[in-house]
Protein backbone atom coordinates (compact mmCIF):
# COMPACT_ATOMS: atom_id res chain seq x y z
CA MET A 1 -0.02 -1.06 -27.09
CA PRO A 2 3.21 0.03 -25.32
CA ARG A 3 4.21 -2.02 -22.33
CA ARG A 4 3.55 -0.27 -19.03
CA ARG A 5 6.49 0.57 -16.79
CA GLN A 6 6.47 -1.24 -13.46
CA VAL A 7 8.63 -1.97 -10.44
CA PHE A 8 8.25 -4.78 -7.92
CA LEU A 9 8.18 -4.76 -4.12
CA LEU A 10 8.95 -8.15 -2.57
CA SER A 11 7.75 -9.05 0.90
CA PRO A 12 10.47 -10.28 3.28
CA ALA A 13 11.33 -13.73 4.52
CA ARG A 14 10.94 -14.60 8.20
CA CYS A 15 14.20 -14.14 10.06
CA ASP A 16 13.13 -15.91 13.26
CA GLY A 17 12.02 -19.33 12.02
CA GLU A 18 13.67 -22.74 11.93
CA ARG A 19 15.59 -22.07 8.71
CA ALA A 20 16.88 -18.83 10.21
CA ARG A 21 18.16 -20.70 13.25
CA VAL A 22 20.03 -23.08 10.96
CA LEU A 23 21.53 -20.25 8.93
CA LEU A 24 22.47 -18.16 11.98
CA ASN A 25 24.07 -21.04 13.87
CA PRO A 26 27.57 -19.70 14.65
CA VAL A 27 29.15 -23.10 13.99
CA ALA A 28 27.26 -23.91 10.76
CA THR A 29 29.69 -24.96 8.02
CA PHE A 30 27.63 -24.81 4.81
CA PRO A 31 28.80 -22.10 2.35
CA LEU A 32 25.98 -19.56 2.77
CA ALA A 33 26.25 -19.57 6.57
CA VAL A 34 30.02 -19.14 6.38
CA ARG A 35 29.76 -16.24 3.92
CA LEU A 36 27.07 -14.61 6.04
CA ARG A 37 29.45 -14.60 9.03
CA THR A 38 32.40 -13.29 7.03
CA GLU A 39 32.02 -11.12 3.93
CA GLY A 40 28.21 -11.22 3.84
CA ALA A 41 25.82 -12.51 1.18
CA GLU A 42 23.24 -11.01 -1.16
CA LEU A 43 19.89 -10.32 0.47
CA GLY A 44 18.03 -12.14 -2.31
CA GLU A 45 20.08 -15.28 -1.79
CA VAL A 46 19.65 -15.15 1.98
CA PHE A 47 15.88 -14.62 1.84
CA SER A 48 15.58 -17.37 -0.78
CA PHE A 49 17.19 -19.75 1.70
CA LEU A 50 15.00 -18.58 4.57
CA SER A 51 11.72 -18.64 2.66
CA GLY A 52 12.40 -21.37 0.12
CA LEU A 53 9.98 -21.64 -2.77
CA TYR A 54 8.00 -18.49 -1.98
CA PHE A 55 10.83 -15.97 -2.11
CA ARG A 56 12.59 -17.75 -4.97
CA GLY A 57 9.36 -17.44 -6.91
CA LYS A 58 9.02 -13.74 -6.13
CA LEU A 59 12.60 -12.99 -7.12
CA ALA A 60 12.46 -14.99 -10.36
CA TYR A 61 9.13 -13.43 -11.30
CA ALA A 62 10.28 -9.87 -10.59
CA ARG A 63 13.44 -10.37 -12.63
CA ALA A 64 11.41 -11.80 -15.51
CA PHE A 65 8.78 -9.06 -15.72
CA ALA A 66 10.20 -5.86 -14.22
CA TYR A 67 10.20 -2.92 -16.62
CA ALA A 68 11.46 -0.03 -14.56
CA PRO A 69 12.06 3.55 -15.67
CA ARG A 70 15.67 4.57 -16.20
CA ALA A 71 17.74 4.81 -13.00
CA VAL A 72 15.01 3.15 -10.90
CA PRO A 73 15.63 -0.31 -9.39
CA PRO A 74 13.42 -2.95 -11.03
CA ALA A 75 12.85 -4.78 -7.74
CA LEU A 76 13.15 -3.86 -4.07
CA VAL A 77 12.85 -6.04 -0.99
CA ILE A 78 10.88 -5.03 2.09
CA THR A 79 12.86 -5.44 5.32
CA THR A 80 11.85 -5.27 8.94
CA ASP A 81 13.92 -2.23 9.94
CA ARG A 82 15.91 -0.92 6.95
CA GLY A 83 13.12 0.03 4.61
CA LEU A 84 13.53 -1.10 1.00
CA MET A 85 16.73 -2.82 -0.11
CA LEU A 86 18.03 -4.20 -3.39
CA PRO A 87 18.09 -8.00 -3.72
CA GLU A 88 21.79 -7.58 -4.55
CA ASP A 89 22.60 -5.67 -1.34
CA ARG A 90 24.90 -7.61 0.96
CA VAL A 91 23.83 -8.47 4.48
CA THR A 92 25.63 -10.15 7.35
CA ARG A 93 24.68 -12.38 10.25
CA ASP A 94 24.38 -9.30 12.48
CA ASP A 95 21.95 -7.72 9.99
CA LEU A 96 19.72 -10.79 10.12
CA LEU A 97 19.77 -10.82 13.90
CA ARG A 98 18.56 -7.21 13.87
CA PHE A 99 15.88 -8.05 11.30
CA ALA A 100 14.62 -10.78 13.63
CA GLU A 101 14.14 -8.31 16.49
CA VAL A 102 11.34 -6.45 14.69
CA ASP A 103 7.77 -7.72 14.50
CA ILE A 104 6.28 -6.48 11.22
CA ALA A 105 2.77 -7.44 12.30
CA ALA A 106 2.99 -5.04 15.24
CA GLY A 107 3.46 -2.17 12.80
CA GLY A 108 5.81 -0.21 15.05
CA ALA A 109 7.83 2.84 14.11
CA ARG A 110 11.06 0.86 13.76
CA HIS A 111 9.51 -0.97 10.81
CA ARG A 112 7.09 1.64 9.52
CA ASP A 113 9.27 4.77 9.41
CA PRO A 114 12.12 3.46 7.18
CA LEU A 115 9.55 1.82 4.91
CA ARG A 116 7.58 5.03 4.47
CA ARG A 117 10.81 6.99 3.94
CA ASP A 118 11.97 4.69 1.15
CA GLY A 119 8.50 4.35 -0.34
CA GLN A 120 8.18 8.12 -0.60
CA ALA A 121 11.66 8.38 -2.13
CA LEU A 122 10.69 5.76 -4.71
CA LEU A 123 7.46 7.58 -5.55
CA GLU A 124 9.38 10.78 -6.27
CA ARG A 125 11.49 8.94 -8.86
CA LEU A 126 8.60 7.29 -10.69
CA PRO A 127 6.74 8.73 -13.68
CA LYS A 128 3.03 8.98 -12.94
CA THR A 129 2.18 6.10 -15.27
CA THR A 130 4.51 3.60 -13.55
CA ARG A 131 2.77 1.03 -11.40
CA VAL A 132 4.14 -0.64 -8.28
CA VAL A 133 3.55 -4.39 -8.08
CA LEU A 134 3.47 -5.86 -4.58
CA LEU A 135 4.52 -9.51 -4.40
CA GLY A 136 3.36 -10.36 -0.91
CA SER A 137 0.32 -10.82 1.26
CA ILE A 138 -2.34 -8.12 1.25
CA ALA A 139 -4.65 -10.02 3.62
CA VAL A 140 -3.42 -8.05 6.64
CA GLY A 141 -2.16 -4.49 7.01
CA LYS A 142 1.57 -4.91 7.66
CA TYR A 143 3.34 -2.90 4.94
CA VAL A 144 0.23 -2.66 2.75
CA ASP A 145 -1.32 0.25 4.61
CA SER A 146 1.88 2.30 4.44
CA PHE A 147 2.25 1.67 0.72
CA LEU A 148 -1.38 2.49 -0.02
CA ASP A 149 -0.93 5.89 1.60
CA ILE A 150 2.04 6.53 -0.68
CA PHE A 151 1.18 4.89 -4.02
CA GLY A 152 -2.62 4.84 -3.93
CA GLU A 153 -4.20 3.25 -7.02
CA ARG A 154 -0.78 2.64 -8.57
CA LEU A 155 -0.16 -0.14 -6.02
CA VAL A 156 -1.27 -3.44 -7.56
CA PHE A 157 -0.90 -7.14 -6.84
CA PRO A 158 -1.44 -10.41 -8.74
CA LEU A 159 -5.12 -11.34 -8.65
CA ALA A 160 -4.18 -15.03 -8.56
CA PHE A 161 -2.66 -14.51 -5.08
CA VAL A 162 -6.10 -14.29 -3.46
CA GLY A 163 -6.84 -17.48 -1.52
CA ARG A 164 -3.40 -19.03 -2.09
CA GLY A 165 -0.83 -19.93 0.53
CA ASP A 166 2.84 -19.02 0.30
CA MET A 167 3.98 -22.27 -1.32
CA SER A 168 1.25 -22.09 -3.94
CA ARG A 169 2.15 -18.49 -4.77
CA GLY A 170 5.82 -19.39 -5.04
CA GLY A 171 5.15 -22.25 -7.43
CA LEU A 172 2.78 -20.10 -9.47
CA MET A 173 5.36 -17.33 -9.91
CA LEU A 174 8.17 -19.72 -10.81
CA ARG A 175 6.02 -21.33 -13.47
CA HIS A 176 4.93 -18.01 -14.97
CA ALA A 177 8.50 -16.68 -14.94
CA ARG A 178 9.69 -19.83 -16.70
CA GLU A 179 6.91 -19.67 -19.29
CA GLY A 180 7.17 -15.91 -19.82
CA GLU A 181 3.49 -15.40 -19.05
CA GLU A 182 2.72 -12.45 -16.80
CA LEU A 183 -0.06 -12.59 -14.22
CA GLU A 184 -3.03 -10.24 -14.14
CA TYR A 185 -2.76 -7.36 -11.67
CA VAL A 186 -5.48 -5.45 -9.85
CA PRO A 187 -5.24 -2.40 -7.57
CA VAL A 188 -4.82 -3.16 -3.88
CA LEU A 189 -7.16 -0.26 -3.13
CA GLY A 190 -10.65 -1.70 -2.85
CA ALA A 191 -9.54 -5.26 -3.61
CA VAL A 192 -10.92 -8.41 -2.02
CA ARG A 193 -8.02 -9.38 0.21
CA ARG A 194 -9.19 -12.89 1.08
CA GLY A 195 -10.88 -15.51 -1.03
CA ARG A 196 -11.58 -19.18 -1.61
CA ARG A 197 -8.48 -21.32 -2.07
CA PRO A 198 -7.99 -22.08 -5.79
CA PRO A 199 -7.32 -25.58 -7.19
CA LYS A 200 -3.80 -26.96 -6.79
CA LEU A 201 -1.32 -26.30 -9.56
CA VAL A 202 -0.77 -29.15 -11.98
C-alpha cells in the first residue's frame, strides 16, 4: 500500500517562562543567546531550548516521518503572532519578545488571524489525500479550533498523546523517531481529547 503524504504542524514553545528569561537576558554569554541578539538563530533550535524534551521530540519526529508533496514544507511551527513558520526560519531576540506578548489561550485576533491565513494557504497547496498531523495538545481549543475549520477530517494527531504530559510526549516521539516506528494517528474531529494517563515509558 502506498505511503500516505503528510505534513506536520508543531505547537510552539512558551516564550515567557523561566528558560525564556535565561535566553533573553541581554547579558547572557552562552552561544545561543549571543546569536539570538546578533544574527539570529533557527526557530527550531530556539524552541528546542525553550521547551526542552517536548519540542526536541516533535522536531525529531516530524523530520523522521514527514512525507510532504512536492514544494510543500514537511513541517511548520505554530507561532503566537506570525502564523506558521519553518523550523529553519531565523528569529531574533526582538521576535521572541513579540511572541511573548501574545496569549495563545486567549485566542485573540493577533494570534488567530495569521494562523488562519497560513493554514488556508497550506490547504490550497495540498492534494486532497494529504493529511495534516498536529504535534501538540488538542485538550483545549487554542489553535485546534482554527485548524479544524480549515482542514476538517484531514487534521489528525497521535492517539498515544491522549492522557500524556509534555515530557512524556517528548520522550515518546524521540524514541519512535530513533526506532523508525511511526505512531498511530486519529482524526482530531470527534476525538476524545482527554484520557487516563498511560504507564510511564520504560
